[in-house]
């Protein structure tokens, strides 16, 4: 196993972009195989096509609009993760082509700030308690996620 030293970390910091933790916490998704772009591909295809290459085509199209011929260098250096501000800019760029109300950012398992597609909810009454079930689809991990919220007695 290779040991990482302070010196090797300093060399790495000089050759790669370093994003401060405060800014990193405001990002949704990451570099490749990004959750936000998978949600965009899922919604634009009606849920039929949300592979990594589908997601990359949307990310590349958006970032090409911003960076032109420097897009590949930008994505290689910084990746396709989106801050909440970036997502708002994308909303303006895309117009009404995506129903952004269906994209939710949730925390589950080891995924913090993970974008998923909201599928719907239902309320069930059990023993005088109203329980709301929320149903999401995670196109990056190809799985359905159910969550529930227990309300006060009714």
N, C-alpha and C. Protein backbone atom coordinates (compact mmCIF):
# COMPACT_ATOMS: atom_id res chain seq x y z
N UNK A 1 0.84 -1.17 0.00
CA UNK A 1 0.00 0.00 0.00
C UNK A 1 0.88 1.23 0.00
N UNK A 2 0.54 2.21 -0.79
CA UNK A 2 1.33 3.42 -0.92
C UNK A 2 0.96 4.40 0.19
N UNK A 3 1.96 5.03 0.79
CA UNK A 3 1.73 6.01 1.84
C UNK A 3 1.66 7.40 1.25
N UNK A 4 0.65 8.16 1.64
CA UNK A 4 0.50 9.54 1.19
C UNK A 4 1.17 10.44 2.21
N UNK A 5 2.07 11.27 1.72
CA UNK A 5 2.78 12.19 2.63
C UNK A 5 2.29 13.60 2.41
N UNK A 6 2.64 14.47 3.34
CA UNK A 6 2.28 15.89 3.22
C UNK A 6 2.88 16.47 1.94
N UNK A 7 4.10 16.05 1.60
CA UNK A 7 4.75 16.54 0.40
C UNK A 7 3.98 16.13 -0.85
N UNK A 8 3.51 14.87 -0.93
CA UNK A 8 2.77 14.43 -2.11
C UNK A 8 1.42 15.15 -2.20
N UNK A 9 0.81 15.48 -1.07
CA UNK A 9 -0.43 16.26 -1.10
C UNK A 9 -0.19 17.67 -1.60
N UNK A 10 0.96 18.26 -1.22
CA UNK A 10 1.30 19.60 -1.70
C UNK A 10 1.50 19.61 -3.21
N UNK A 11 2.15 18.57 -3.74
CA UNK A 11 2.35 18.45 -5.19
C UNK A 11 0.99 18.31 -5.88
N UNK A 12 0.13 17.50 -5.32
CA UNK A 12 -1.21 17.30 -5.86
C UNK A 12 -1.99 18.62 -5.87
N UNK A 13 -1.91 19.38 -4.81
CA UNK A 13 -2.63 20.66 -4.71
C UNK A 13 -2.15 21.65 -5.76
N UNK A 14 -0.86 21.59 -6.14
CA UNK A 14 -0.35 22.51 -7.16
C UNK A 14 -0.81 22.12 -8.56
N UNK A 15 -1.09 20.84 -8.78
CA UNK A 15 -1.45 20.38 -10.12
C UNK A 15 -2.95 20.25 -10.35
N UNK A 16 -3.73 20.28 -9.29
CA UNK A 16 -5.18 20.12 -9.43
C UNK A 16 -5.90 21.30 -8.79
N UNK A 17 -7.12 21.52 -9.23
CA UNK A 17 -7.95 22.56 -8.64
C UNK A 17 -8.35 22.14 -7.23
N UNK A 18 -8.28 23.07 -6.31
CA UNK A 18 -8.70 22.81 -4.94
C UNK A 18 -9.94 23.65 -4.67
N UNK A 19 -11.02 22.98 -4.29
CA UNK A 19 -12.27 23.67 -4.01
C UNK A 19 -12.43 23.73 -2.50
N UNK A 20 -12.60 24.93 -1.93
CA UNK A 20 -12.76 25.03 -0.48
C UNK A 20 -13.99 24.25 -0.01
N UNK A 21 -13.92 23.67 1.18
CA UNK A 21 -15.00 22.86 1.73
C UNK A 21 -16.30 23.65 1.79
N UNK A 22 -16.22 24.94 2.10
CA UNK A 22 -17.45 25.75 2.19
C UNK A 22 -18.17 25.82 0.85
N UNK A 23 -17.41 25.89 -0.25
CA UNK A 23 -18.03 25.92 -1.57
C UNK A 23 -18.47 24.52 -1.99
N UNK A 24 -17.67 23.52 -1.64
CA UNK A 24 -17.97 22.14 -2.01
C UNK A 24 -19.30 21.69 -1.40
N UNK A 25 -19.61 22.13 -0.19
CA UNK A 25 -20.86 21.75 0.47
C UNK A 25 -22.09 22.27 -0.27
N UNK A 26 -21.93 23.27 -1.13
CA UNK A 26 -23.05 23.81 -1.88
C UNK A 26 -23.26 23.14 -3.22
N UNK A 27 -22.50 22.08 -3.51
CA UNK A 27 -22.63 21.41 -4.81
C UNK A 27 -23.55 20.21 -4.73
N UNK A 28 -24.25 20.00 -5.81
CA UNK A 28 -25.09 18.82 -5.96
C UNK A 28 -24.40 17.94 -6.99
N UNK A 29 -24.17 16.69 -6.64
CA UNK A 29 -23.54 15.78 -7.59
C UNK A 29 -22.04 15.83 -7.49
N UNK A 30 -21.41 15.38 -8.53
CA UNK A 30 -19.96 15.31 -8.52
C UNK A 30 -19.39 15.44 -9.90
N UNK A 31 -18.44 14.61 -10.23
CA UNK A 31 -17.73 14.74 -11.48
C UNK A 31 -18.38 13.91 -12.58
N UNK A 32 -17.98 12.68 -12.76
CA UNK A 32 -18.62 11.88 -13.79
C UNK A 32 -19.81 11.15 -13.18
N UNK A 33 -20.67 10.65 -14.03
CA UNK A 33 -21.83 9.88 -13.57
C UNK A 33 -22.68 10.71 -12.60
N UNK A 34 -22.89 11.97 -12.95
CA UNK A 34 -23.48 12.94 -12.03
C UNK A 34 -24.98 12.79 -11.85
N UNK A 35 -25.45 12.91 -10.61
CA UNK A 35 -26.86 12.71 -10.28
C UNK A 35 -27.77 13.79 -10.88
N UNK A 36 -27.34 15.05 -10.88
CA UNK A 36 -28.19 16.12 -11.42
C UNK A 36 -28.44 15.90 -12.91
N UNK A 37 -27.38 15.61 -13.65
CA UNK A 37 -27.53 15.43 -15.10
C UNK A 37 -28.29 14.16 -15.43
N UNK A 38 -28.19 13.14 -14.58
CA UNK A 38 -29.01 11.94 -14.77
C UNK A 38 -30.49 12.28 -14.62
N UNK A 39 -30.82 13.15 -13.64
CA UNK A 39 -32.22 13.57 -13.47
C UNK A 39 -32.71 14.32 -14.69
N UNK A 40 -31.88 15.19 -15.25
CA UNK A 40 -32.25 15.94 -16.45
C UNK A 40 -32.53 14.97 -17.60
N UNK A 41 -31.62 14.00 -17.80
CA UNK A 41 -31.81 13.02 -18.87
C UNK A 41 -33.08 12.20 -18.64
N UNK A 42 -33.32 11.79 -17.40
CA UNK A 42 -34.51 11.01 -17.06
C UNK A 42 -35.79 11.79 -17.39
N UNK A 43 -35.85 13.04 -16.96
CA UNK A 43 -37.06 13.84 -17.19
C UNK A 43 -37.24 14.17 -18.67
N UNK A 44 -36.17 14.49 -19.37
CA UNK A 44 -36.29 14.83 -20.80
C UNK A 44 -36.68 13.63 -21.65
N UNK A 45 -36.36 12.42 -21.18
CA UNK A 45 -36.68 11.23 -21.97
C UNK A 45 -37.97 10.55 -21.51
N UNK A 46 -38.64 11.16 -20.54
CA UNK A 46 -39.84 10.52 -20.00
C UNK A 46 -39.51 9.27 -19.21
N UNK A 47 -38.29 9.21 -18.68
CA UNK A 47 -37.88 8.08 -17.85
C UNK A 47 -37.31 6.90 -18.61
N UNK A 48 -37.07 7.06 -19.92
CA UNK A 48 -36.61 5.91 -20.70
C UNK A 48 -35.11 5.90 -20.96
N UNK A 49 -34.43 7.03 -20.80
CA UNK A 49 -33.02 7.08 -21.19
C UNK A 49 -32.25 8.01 -20.26
N UNK A 50 -31.45 7.42 -19.36
CA UNK A 50 -30.72 8.23 -18.38
C UNK A 50 -29.36 7.62 -18.07
N UNK A 51 -28.72 7.07 -19.10
CA UNK A 51 -27.40 6.47 -18.93
C UNK A 51 -26.36 7.57 -18.68
N UNK A 52 -25.15 7.14 -18.37
CA UNK A 52 -24.07 8.09 -18.16
C UNK A 52 -23.84 8.93 -19.42
N UNK A 53 -23.88 8.30 -20.59
CA UNK A 53 -23.66 9.06 -21.83
C UNK A 53 -24.81 10.04 -22.10
N UNK A 54 -26.05 9.65 -21.74
CA UNK A 54 -27.18 10.58 -21.88
C UNK A 54 -26.96 11.80 -20.98
N UNK A 55 -26.56 11.54 -19.73
CA UNK A 55 -26.33 12.63 -18.78
C UNK A 55 -25.19 13.53 -19.26
N UNK A 56 -24.13 12.92 -19.75
CA UNK A 56 -22.98 13.70 -20.22
C UNK A 56 -23.34 14.60 -21.39
N UNK A 57 -24.24 14.14 -22.26
CA UNK A 57 -24.62 14.97 -23.41
C UNK A 57 -25.33 16.24 -22.95
N UNK A 58 -26.17 16.15 -21.92
CA UNK A 58 -26.83 17.35 -21.39
C UNK A 58 -25.83 18.28 -20.71
N UNK A 59 -24.93 17.70 -19.91
CA UNK A 59 -23.91 18.51 -19.23
C UNK A 59 -23.02 19.20 -20.26
N UNK A 60 -22.59 18.46 -21.27
CA UNK A 60 -21.69 19.03 -22.28
C UNK A 60 -22.41 20.15 -23.05
N UNK A 61 -23.67 19.93 -23.38
CA UNK A 61 -24.42 20.97 -24.09
C UNK A 61 -24.53 22.26 -23.29
N UNK A 62 -24.81 22.12 -22.00
CA UNK A 62 -24.94 23.31 -21.14
C UNK A 62 -23.60 24.01 -20.97
N UNK A 63 -22.56 23.25 -20.63
CA UNK A 63 -21.26 23.87 -20.40
C UNK A 63 -20.64 24.40 -21.69
N UNK A 64 -20.97 23.82 -22.85
CA UNK A 64 -20.50 24.36 -24.13
C UNK A 64 -21.07 25.75 -24.36
N UNK A 65 -22.31 25.95 -23.94
CA UNK A 65 -22.94 27.27 -24.04
C UNK A 65 -22.17 28.30 -23.21
N UNK A 66 -21.61 27.87 -22.08
CA UNK A 66 -20.88 28.79 -21.20
C UNK A 66 -19.42 28.97 -21.60
N UNK A 67 -18.75 27.86 -21.98
CA UNK A 67 -17.30 27.89 -22.13
C UNK A 67 -16.80 27.61 -23.55
N UNK A 68 -17.71 27.36 -24.48
CA UNK A 68 -17.32 27.15 -25.87
C UNK A 68 -16.24 26.10 -26.04
N UNK A 69 -15.15 26.47 -26.70
CA UNK A 69 -14.06 25.55 -26.99
C UNK A 69 -13.29 25.08 -25.76
N UNK A 70 -13.54 25.69 -24.61
CA UNK A 70 -12.85 25.31 -23.38
C UNK A 70 -13.65 24.32 -22.54
N UNK A 71 -14.78 23.85 -23.06
CA UNK A 71 -15.67 22.98 -22.30
C UNK A 71 -14.99 21.71 -21.82
N UNK A 72 -14.30 21.01 -22.70
CA UNK A 72 -13.64 19.76 -22.31
C UNK A 72 -12.63 20.01 -21.20
N UNK A 73 -11.85 21.08 -21.33
CA UNK A 73 -10.86 21.40 -20.29
C UNK A 73 -11.54 21.73 -18.97
N UNK A 74 -12.65 22.47 -19.04
CA UNK A 74 -13.40 22.82 -17.83
C UNK A 74 -13.91 21.57 -17.14
N UNK A 75 -14.57 20.69 -17.89
CA UNK A 75 -15.15 19.48 -17.30
C UNK A 75 -14.08 18.53 -16.77
N UNK A 76 -12.94 18.45 -17.46
CA UNK A 76 -11.85 17.61 -17.00
C UNK A 76 -11.29 18.14 -15.69
N UNK A 77 -11.18 19.46 -15.59
CA UNK A 77 -10.60 20.08 -14.41
C UNK A 77 -11.55 20.14 -13.23
N UNK A 78 -12.79 20.58 -13.47
CA UNK A 78 -13.72 20.84 -12.37
C UNK A 78 -14.91 19.90 -12.31
N UNK A 79 -15.17 19.16 -13.36
CA UNK A 79 -16.28 18.23 -13.36
C UNK A 79 -17.61 18.91 -13.63
N UNK A 80 -18.68 18.12 -13.57
CA UNK A 80 -20.02 18.61 -13.94
C UNK A 80 -20.92 18.83 -12.74
N UNK A 81 -20.37 18.80 -11.53
CA UNK A 81 -21.19 19.07 -10.34
C UNK A 81 -21.80 20.46 -10.42
N UNK A 82 -22.98 20.60 -9.86
CA UNK A 82 -23.71 21.86 -9.97
C UNK A 82 -23.97 22.43 -8.58
N UNK A 83 -23.66 23.72 -8.39
CA UNK A 83 -24.07 24.39 -7.16
C UNK A 83 -25.54 24.75 -7.32
N UNK A 84 -26.19 25.14 -6.25
CA UNK A 84 -27.59 25.55 -6.35
C UNK A 84 -27.73 26.76 -7.26
N UNK A 85 -26.73 27.64 -7.24
CA UNK A 85 -26.73 28.80 -8.14
C UNK A 85 -26.62 28.34 -9.60
N UNK A 86 -25.75 27.34 -9.86
CA UNK A 86 -25.61 26.79 -11.22
C UNK A 86 -26.93 26.18 -11.69
N UNK A 87 -27.64 25.50 -10.78
CA UNK A 87 -28.91 24.89 -11.14
C UNK A 87 -29.92 25.97 -11.53
N UNK A 88 -29.93 27.08 -10.79
CA UNK A 88 -30.83 28.19 -11.15
C UNK A 88 -30.47 28.76 -12.51
N UNK A 89 -29.16 28.87 -12.81
CA UNK A 89 -28.75 29.35 -14.13
C UNK A 89 -29.17 28.37 -15.22
N UNK A 90 -29.08 27.07 -14.93
CA UNK A 90 -29.51 26.07 -15.91
C UNK A 90 -31.01 26.17 -16.15
N UNK A 91 -31.78 26.47 -15.11
CA UNK A 91 -33.22 26.65 -15.28
C UNK A 91 -33.50 27.75 -16.30
N UNK A 92 -32.78 28.86 -16.20
CA UNK A 92 -32.95 29.96 -17.16
C UNK A 92 -32.54 29.53 -18.56
N UNK A 93 -31.44 28.79 -18.65
CA UNK A 93 -30.91 28.32 -19.94
C UNK A 93 -31.89 27.37 -20.62
N UNK A 94 -32.48 26.47 -19.85
CA UNK A 94 -33.32 25.43 -20.44
C UNK A 94 -34.76 25.87 -20.67
N UNK A 95 -35.15 27.01 -20.13
CA UNK A 95 -36.52 27.47 -20.30
C UNK A 95 -37.49 26.53 -19.63
N UNK A 96 -38.56 26.17 -20.32
CA UNK A 96 -39.57 25.29 -19.75
C UNK A 96 -39.42 23.84 -20.19
N UNK A 97 -38.24 23.47 -20.67
CA UNK A 97 -38.07 22.12 -21.20
C UNK A 97 -38.00 21.05 -20.11
N UNK A 98 -37.74 21.45 -18.87
CA UNK A 98 -37.64 20.49 -17.76
C UNK A 98 -38.55 20.93 -16.63
N UNK A 99 -39.27 20.00 -16.05
CA UNK A 99 -40.10 20.29 -14.88
C UNK A 99 -39.22 20.19 -13.63
N UNK A 100 -38.59 21.31 -13.26
CA UNK A 100 -37.66 21.32 -12.15
C UNK A 100 -38.32 21.03 -10.80
N UNK A 101 -39.61 21.17 -10.72
CA UNK A 101 -40.29 20.86 -9.46
C UNK A 101 -40.19 19.36 -9.14
N UNK A 102 -39.82 18.56 -10.12
CA UNK A 102 -39.70 17.11 -9.91
C UNK A 102 -38.29 16.69 -9.50
N UNK A 103 -37.34 17.63 -9.45
CA UNK A 103 -35.99 17.30 -9.00
C UNK A 103 -35.88 17.70 -7.53
N UNK A 104 -35.54 16.74 -6.71
CA UNK A 104 -35.36 16.98 -5.28
C UNK A 104 -33.93 16.66 -4.89
N UNK A 105 -33.41 17.40 -3.95
CA UNK A 105 -32.09 17.12 -3.41
C UNK A 105 -32.30 16.56 -2.02
N UNK A 106 -31.89 15.31 -1.82
CA UNK A 106 -32.14 14.63 -0.55
C UNK A 106 -30.84 14.04 -0.01
N UNK A 107 -30.87 13.64 1.23
CA UNK A 107 -29.79 12.89 1.84
C UNK A 107 -30.33 11.51 2.17
N UNK A 108 -29.65 10.48 1.72
CA UNK A 108 -30.02 9.11 2.11
C UNK A 108 -28.80 8.23 2.00
N UNK A 109 -28.71 7.26 2.88
CA UNK A 109 -27.55 6.38 2.89
C UNK A 109 -26.27 7.20 3.00
N UNK A 110 -25.33 6.93 2.12
CA UNK A 110 -24.07 7.69 2.09
C UNK A 110 -24.13 8.86 1.12
N UNK A 111 -25.30 9.11 0.56
CA UNK A 111 -25.45 10.17 -0.44
C UNK A 111 -25.96 11.44 0.23
N UNK A 112 -25.14 12.46 0.27
CA UNK A 112 -25.55 13.75 0.82
C UNK A 112 -25.65 14.74 -0.33
N UNK A 113 -26.75 15.49 -0.36
CA UNK A 113 -26.94 16.43 -1.46
C UNK A 113 -27.09 15.73 -2.78
N UNK A 114 -27.88 14.68 -2.81
CA UNK A 114 -28.02 13.82 -3.99
C UNK A 114 -29.33 14.18 -4.72
N UNK A 115 -29.23 14.43 -6.01
CA UNK A 115 -30.42 14.79 -6.80
C UNK A 115 -31.17 13.53 -7.23
N UNK A 116 -32.48 13.54 -7.02
CA UNK A 116 -33.36 12.45 -7.41
C UNK A 116 -34.62 13.03 -8.05
N UNK A 117 -35.39 12.18 -8.70
CA UNK A 117 -36.63 12.61 -9.35
C UNK A 117 -37.81 12.26 -8.44
N UNK A 118 -38.62 13.26 -8.15
CA UNK A 118 -39.82 13.07 -7.33
C UNK A 118 -40.90 12.43 -8.19
N UNK A 119 -41.42 11.29 -7.73
CA UNK A 119 -42.45 10.57 -8.48
C UNK A 119 -43.86 10.82 -7.95
N UNK A 120 -43.98 11.14 -6.68
CA UNK A 120 -45.30 11.39 -6.12
C UNK A 120 -45.34 11.07 -4.64
N UNK A 121 -46.52 11.26 -4.06
CA UNK A 121 -46.69 10.97 -2.64
C UNK A 121 -48.12 10.51 -2.39
N UNK A 122 -48.31 9.89 -1.25
CA UNK A 122 -49.64 9.47 -0.86
C UNK A 122 -49.75 9.54 0.66
N UNK A 123 -50.95 9.80 1.15
CA UNK A 123 -51.19 9.88 2.59
C UNK A 123 -52.00 8.67 3.01
N UNK A 124 -51.57 8.03 4.08
CA UNK A 124 -52.26 6.87 4.63
C UNK A 124 -52.57 7.17 6.09
N UNK A 125 -53.71 6.73 6.54
CA UNK A 125 -54.12 6.92 7.94
C UNK A 125 -54.05 5.58 8.65
N UNK A 126 -53.18 5.52 9.63
CA UNK A 126 -52.98 4.28 10.38
C UNK A 126 -53.08 4.60 11.86
N UNK A 127 -54.03 3.96 12.53
CA UNK A 127 -54.23 4.13 13.97
C UNK A 127 -54.31 5.61 14.36
N UNK A 128 -55.06 6.37 13.60
CA UNK A 128 -55.24 7.79 13.91
C UNK A 128 -54.07 8.69 13.55
N UNK A 129 -53.06 8.15 12.89
CA UNK A 129 -51.89 8.93 12.47
C UNK A 129 -51.91 9.09 10.95
N UNK A 130 -51.64 10.30 10.50
CA UNK A 130 -51.49 10.54 9.06
C UNK A 130 -50.02 10.34 8.71
N UNK A 131 -49.76 9.44 7.76
CA UNK A 131 -48.40 9.16 7.33
C UNK A 131 -48.31 9.44 5.84
N UNK A 132 -47.37 10.32 5.47
CA UNK A 132 -47.16 10.64 4.06
C UNK A 132 -45.96 9.87 3.54
N UNK A 133 -46.16 9.15 2.46
CA UNK A 133 -45.10 8.42 1.79
C UNK A 133 -44.68 9.21 0.56
N UNK A 134 -43.38 9.49 0.47
CA UNK A 134 -42.83 10.17 -0.70
C UNK A 134 -42.06 9.14 -1.51
N UNK A 135 -42.24 9.17 -2.81
CA UNK A 135 -41.62 8.21 -3.70
C UNK A 135 -40.71 8.95 -4.67
N UNK A 136 -39.44 8.54 -4.71
CA UNK A 136 -38.43 9.15 -5.59
C UNK A 136 -37.80 8.07 -6.45
N UNK A 137 -37.21 8.51 -7.55
CA UNK A 137 -36.39 7.60 -8.35
C UNK A 137 -35.00 8.19 -8.46
N UNK A 138 -33.99 7.38 -8.22
CA UNK A 138 -32.60 7.79 -8.32
C UNK A 138 -32.04 7.23 -9.63
N UNK A 139 -31.98 8.06 -10.69
CA UNK A 139 -31.51 7.54 -11.98
C UNK A 139 -30.03 7.20 -12.01
N UNK A 140 -29.25 7.78 -11.11
CA UNK A 140 -27.83 7.46 -11.07
C UNK A 140 -27.61 6.04 -10.57
N UNK A 141 -28.38 5.63 -9.57
CA UNK A 141 -28.24 4.29 -8.99
C UNK A 141 -29.34 3.34 -9.44
N UNK A 142 -30.22 3.81 -10.31
CA UNK A 142 -31.31 3.02 -10.88
C UNK A 142 -32.14 2.33 -9.79
N UNK A 143 -32.61 3.14 -8.83
CA UNK A 143 -33.42 2.57 -7.76
C UNK A 143 -34.50 3.53 -7.29
N UNK A 144 -35.57 2.95 -6.77
CA UNK A 144 -36.66 3.72 -6.20
C UNK A 144 -36.38 3.91 -4.71
N UNK A 145 -36.68 5.10 -4.22
CA UNK A 145 -36.47 5.42 -2.81
C UNK A 145 -37.81 5.85 -2.24
N UNK A 146 -38.19 5.24 -1.15
CA UNK A 146 -39.42 5.63 -0.44
C UNK A 146 -39.03 6.24 0.89
N UNK A 147 -39.69 7.32 1.22
CA UNK A 147 -39.49 7.90 2.54
C UNK A 147 -40.86 8.22 3.11
N UNK A 148 -40.91 8.35 4.42
CA UNK A 148 -42.20 8.66 5.02
C UNK A 148 -42.04 9.71 6.10
N UNK A 149 -43.12 10.44 6.32
CA UNK A 149 -43.18 11.45 7.37
C UNK A 149 -44.43 11.16 8.18
N UNK A 150 -44.26 11.00 9.47
CA UNK A 150 -45.38 10.74 10.37
C UNK A 150 -45.90 12.08 10.90
N UNK A 151 -47.18 12.31 10.75
CA UNK A 151 -47.78 13.56 11.20
C UNK A 151 -48.46 13.35 12.56
N UNK A 152 -48.89 14.44 13.14
CA UNK A 152 -49.62 14.37 14.41
C UNK A 152 -50.93 13.61 14.24
N UNK A 153 -51.47 13.21 15.34
CA UNK A 153 -52.77 12.51 15.32
C UNK A 153 -53.82 13.36 14.66
N UNK A 154 -54.72 12.70 13.95
CA UNK A 154 -55.81 13.43 13.27
C UNK A 154 -57.14 13.11 13.89
